[in-house]
N, C-alpha and C. Protein backbone atom coordinates (compact mmCIF):
# COMPACT_ATOMS: atom_id res chain seq x y z
N UNK A 1 22.70 -5.03 -29.73
CA UNK A 1 21.88 -4.79 -28.57
C UNK A 1 21.43 -3.33 -28.56
N UNK A 2 20.30 -3.11 -27.97
CA UNK A 2 19.72 -1.77 -27.94
C UNK A 2 20.31 -0.95 -26.79
N UNK A 3 20.24 0.35 -26.94
CA UNK A 3 20.62 1.24 -25.84
C UNK A 3 22.05 1.71 -25.86
N UNK A 4 22.79 1.48 -26.94
CA UNK A 4 24.18 1.91 -26.96
C UNK A 4 24.41 3.19 -27.74
N UNK A 5 23.38 3.74 -28.35
CA UNK A 5 23.53 4.95 -29.13
C UNK A 5 23.35 6.19 -28.25
N UNK A 6 23.34 7.36 -28.87
CA UNK A 6 23.13 8.59 -28.09
C UNK A 6 21.69 8.66 -27.58
N UNK A 7 21.53 9.33 -26.47
CA UNK A 7 20.20 9.47 -25.87
C UNK A 7 19.34 10.42 -26.69
N UNK A 8 18.05 10.12 -26.77
CA UNK A 8 17.14 11.00 -27.48
C UNK A 8 16.71 12.17 -26.60
N UNK A 9 16.71 11.95 -25.27
CA UNK A 9 16.30 13.00 -24.33
C UNK A 9 17.53 13.61 -23.67
N UNK A 10 17.46 14.91 -23.44
CA UNK A 10 18.55 15.57 -22.74
C UNK A 10 18.41 15.33 -21.25
N UNK A 11 19.49 15.11 -20.55
CA UNK A 11 19.47 14.91 -19.11
C UNK A 11 19.34 16.25 -18.41
N UNK A 12 18.46 16.31 -17.44
CA UNK A 12 18.25 17.53 -16.68
C UNK A 12 19.24 17.57 -15.52
N UNK A 13 19.94 18.66 -15.37
CA UNK A 13 20.97 18.77 -14.34
C UNK A 13 20.36 18.71 -12.94
N UNK A 14 19.17 19.28 -12.76
CA UNK A 14 18.56 19.25 -11.43
C UNK A 14 18.15 17.83 -11.04
N UNK A 15 17.68 17.03 -12.00
CA UNK A 15 17.37 15.63 -11.69
C UNK A 15 18.63 14.84 -11.35
N UNK A 16 19.71 15.16 -12.02
CA UNK A 16 20.97 14.49 -11.72
C UNK A 16 21.45 14.84 -10.32
N UNK A 17 21.34 16.11 -9.92
CA UNK A 17 21.73 16.52 -8.56
C UNK A 17 20.84 15.86 -7.53
N UNK A 18 19.53 15.77 -7.82
CA UNK A 18 18.61 15.12 -6.89
C UNK A 18 18.95 13.64 -6.72
N UNK A 19 19.25 12.98 -7.80
CA UNK A 19 19.63 11.57 -7.72
C UNK A 19 20.91 11.37 -6.92
N UNK A 20 21.88 12.25 -7.11
CA UNK A 20 23.12 12.17 -6.34
C UNK A 20 22.86 12.46 -4.87
N UNK A 21 21.98 13.41 -4.58
CA UNK A 21 21.64 13.72 -3.20
C UNK A 21 21.01 12.51 -2.52
N UNK A 22 20.08 11.84 -3.21
CA UNK A 22 19.41 10.67 -2.62
C UNK A 22 20.39 9.51 -2.42
N UNK A 23 21.31 9.35 -3.33
CA UNK A 23 22.29 8.27 -3.20
C UNK A 23 23.23 8.50 -2.03
N UNK A 24 23.59 9.76 -1.79
CA UNK A 24 24.58 10.08 -0.77
C UNK A 24 23.97 10.70 0.48
N UNK A 25 22.67 10.53 0.70
CA UNK A 25 22.02 11.18 1.84
C UNK A 25 22.57 10.67 3.16
N UNK A 26 22.82 9.39 3.28
CA UNK A 26 23.31 8.84 4.53
C UNK A 26 24.71 9.35 4.87
N UNK A 27 25.44 9.77 3.87
CA UNK A 27 26.79 10.28 4.11
C UNK A 27 26.76 11.65 4.79
N UNK A 28 25.77 12.48 4.43
CA UNK A 28 25.76 13.86 4.91
C UNK A 28 24.78 14.12 6.04
N UNK A 29 23.80 13.24 6.27
CA UNK A 29 22.75 13.51 7.26
C UNK A 29 23.10 12.82 8.56
N UNK A 30 22.93 13.53 9.67
CA UNK A 30 23.16 12.95 11.00
C UNK A 30 21.94 13.20 11.86
N UNK A 31 21.69 12.29 12.78
CA UNK A 31 20.57 12.42 13.70
C UNK A 31 21.06 13.21 14.91
N UNK A 32 20.84 14.53 14.89
CA UNK A 32 21.28 15.40 15.97
C UNK A 32 20.06 16.03 16.64
N UNK A 33 20.26 17.04 17.46
CA UNK A 33 19.15 17.67 18.19
C UNK A 33 18.10 18.27 17.26
N UNK A 34 18.55 18.96 16.24
CA UNK A 34 17.61 19.60 15.33
C UNK A 34 16.78 18.56 14.58
N UNK A 35 17.42 17.51 14.12
CA UNK A 35 16.69 16.45 13.43
C UNK A 35 15.75 15.72 14.38
N UNK A 36 16.16 15.53 15.62
CA UNK A 36 15.31 14.86 16.61
C UNK A 36 14.08 15.72 16.91
N UNK A 37 14.26 17.03 16.97
CA UNK A 37 13.13 17.92 17.20
C UNK A 37 12.12 17.84 16.06
N UNK A 38 12.62 17.85 14.83
CA UNK A 38 11.73 17.75 13.68
C UNK A 38 11.01 16.41 13.63
N UNK A 39 11.71 15.34 13.95
CA UNK A 39 11.09 14.02 13.97
C UNK A 39 10.00 13.98 15.03
N UNK A 40 10.27 14.53 16.20
CA UNK A 40 9.27 14.55 17.26
C UNK A 40 8.05 15.36 16.83
N UNK A 41 8.27 16.51 16.24
CA UNK A 41 7.14 17.37 15.84
C UNK A 41 6.28 16.67 14.80
N UNK A 42 6.89 16.14 13.75
CA UNK A 42 6.11 15.60 12.64
C UNK A 42 5.62 14.18 12.85
N UNK A 43 6.27 13.40 13.71
CA UNK A 43 5.84 12.02 13.91
C UNK A 43 5.11 11.79 15.22
N UNK A 44 5.16 12.77 16.15
CA UNK A 44 4.48 12.59 17.43
C UNK A 44 3.49 13.72 17.68
N UNK A 45 3.95 14.95 17.65
CA UNK A 45 3.11 16.08 18.06
C UNK A 45 1.95 16.34 17.08
N UNK A 46 2.22 16.34 15.80
CA UNK A 46 1.16 16.62 14.82
C UNK A 46 0.09 15.52 14.82
N UNK A 47 0.44 14.24 14.76
CA UNK A 47 -0.61 13.21 14.83
C UNK A 47 -1.35 13.21 16.17
N UNK A 48 -0.65 13.48 17.27
CA UNK A 48 -1.32 13.53 18.57
C UNK A 48 -2.30 14.70 18.62
N UNK A 49 -1.92 15.85 18.09
CA UNK A 49 -2.81 17.01 18.06
C UNK A 49 -4.04 16.76 17.20
N UNK A 50 -3.83 16.17 16.04
CA UNK A 50 -4.97 15.85 15.17
C UNK A 50 -5.87 14.80 15.81
N UNK A 51 -5.29 13.83 16.47
CA UNK A 51 -6.09 12.82 17.16
C UNK A 51 -6.88 13.42 18.30
N UNK A 52 -6.28 14.34 19.04
CA UNK A 52 -6.97 15.02 20.14
C UNK A 52 -8.16 15.83 19.61
N UNK A 53 -7.94 16.58 18.54
CA UNK A 53 -9.04 17.35 17.95
C UNK A 53 -10.15 16.44 17.42
N UNK A 54 -9.77 15.36 16.77
CA UNK A 54 -10.77 14.43 16.23
C UNK A 54 -11.57 13.78 17.36
N UNK A 55 -10.89 13.44 18.45
CA UNK A 55 -11.58 12.81 19.58
C UNK A 55 -12.53 13.79 20.26
N UNK A 56 -12.13 15.04 20.40
CA UNK A 56 -12.98 16.03 21.08
C UNK A 56 -14.17 16.46 20.25
N UNK A 57 -14.03 16.55 18.93
CA UNK A 57 -15.11 17.02 18.09
C UNK A 57 -15.91 15.89 17.44
N UNK A 58 -15.70 14.67 17.88
CA UNK A 58 -16.43 13.54 17.30
C UNK A 58 -17.91 13.64 17.65
N UNK A 59 -18.75 13.66 16.64
CA UNK A 59 -20.19 13.70 16.85
C UNK A 59 -20.76 15.09 17.12
N UNK A 60 -19.94 16.11 17.20
CA UNK A 60 -20.42 17.46 17.49
C UNK A 60 -20.74 18.26 16.24
N UNK A 61 -20.37 17.76 15.10
CA UNK A 61 -20.62 18.47 13.85
C UNK A 61 -21.50 17.62 12.96
N UNK A 62 -22.80 17.86 12.94
CA UNK A 62 -23.69 17.08 12.07
C UNK A 62 -23.63 17.60 10.63
N UNK A 63 -22.88 16.93 9.78
CA UNK A 63 -22.72 17.37 8.40
C UNK A 63 -23.87 16.90 7.51
N UNK A 64 -24.66 15.95 7.98
CA UNK A 64 -25.72 15.39 7.15
C UNK A 64 -26.82 16.42 6.97
N UNK A 65 -27.16 16.72 5.74
CA UNK A 65 -28.24 17.64 5.44
C UNK A 65 -27.89 19.11 5.61
N UNK A 66 -26.64 19.44 5.79
CA UNK A 66 -26.24 20.84 5.94
C UNK A 66 -26.12 21.50 4.57
N UNK A 67 -26.56 22.73 4.53
CA UNK A 67 -26.41 23.51 3.30
C UNK A 67 -25.32 24.55 3.50
N UNK A 68 -25.00 25.21 2.43
CA UNK A 68 -23.90 26.17 2.49
C UNK A 68 -24.21 27.35 3.41
N UNK A 69 -25.44 27.75 3.47
CA UNK A 69 -25.80 28.92 4.28
C UNK A 69 -26.05 28.58 5.74
N UNK A 70 -26.13 27.31 6.09
CA UNK A 70 -26.39 26.91 7.47
C UNK A 70 -25.08 26.75 8.22
N UNK A 71 -25.05 27.10 9.50
CA UNK A 71 -23.82 26.96 10.28
C UNK A 71 -23.56 25.49 10.63
N UNK A 72 -22.28 25.14 10.71
CA UNK A 72 -21.92 23.77 11.12
C UNK A 72 -22.09 23.64 12.62
N UNK A 73 -21.59 24.60 13.38
CA UNK A 73 -21.75 24.60 14.83
C UNK A 73 -22.99 25.41 15.18
N UNK A 74 -23.89 24.82 15.93
CA UNK A 74 -25.15 25.49 16.27
C UNK A 74 -24.98 26.54 17.36
N UNK A 75 -24.11 26.32 18.33
CA UNK A 75 -23.97 27.24 19.45
C UNK A 75 -23.05 28.41 19.07
N UNK A 76 -23.34 29.57 19.63
CA UNK A 76 -22.53 30.79 19.47
C UNK A 76 -22.35 31.18 18.00
N UNK A 77 -23.41 31.10 17.22
CA UNK A 77 -23.32 31.44 15.81
C UNK A 77 -23.70 32.89 15.62
N UNK A 78 -22.82 33.66 15.01
CA UNK A 78 -23.09 35.05 14.69
C UNK A 78 -22.97 35.20 13.18
N UNK A 79 -24.05 35.45 12.47
CA UNK A 79 -23.96 35.53 11.00
C UNK A 79 -23.22 36.80 10.56
N UNK A 80 -22.55 36.67 9.42
CA UNK A 80 -21.87 37.83 8.84
C UNK A 80 -22.87 38.69 8.13
N UNK A 81 -22.54 39.96 8.00
CA UNK A 81 -23.46 40.89 7.31
C UNK A 81 -22.93 41.29 5.98
């Protein structure tokens, strides 16, 4: 049967540590205040903020036919010198 000889590739120690970390993640990770804050920020606050911005700026930026030298927002445009 194949696969019983020595490996042709050397095993990377960092990949081995990463695999062990993934296997044992549930042993060391707990859902506490800090983890709850991060979950709230990345799963609630960031998508809500992006959705709010997308809803407010919908239709206000006409990208069709714009060139590099033309401003995206027409109001309050001050060109650089």
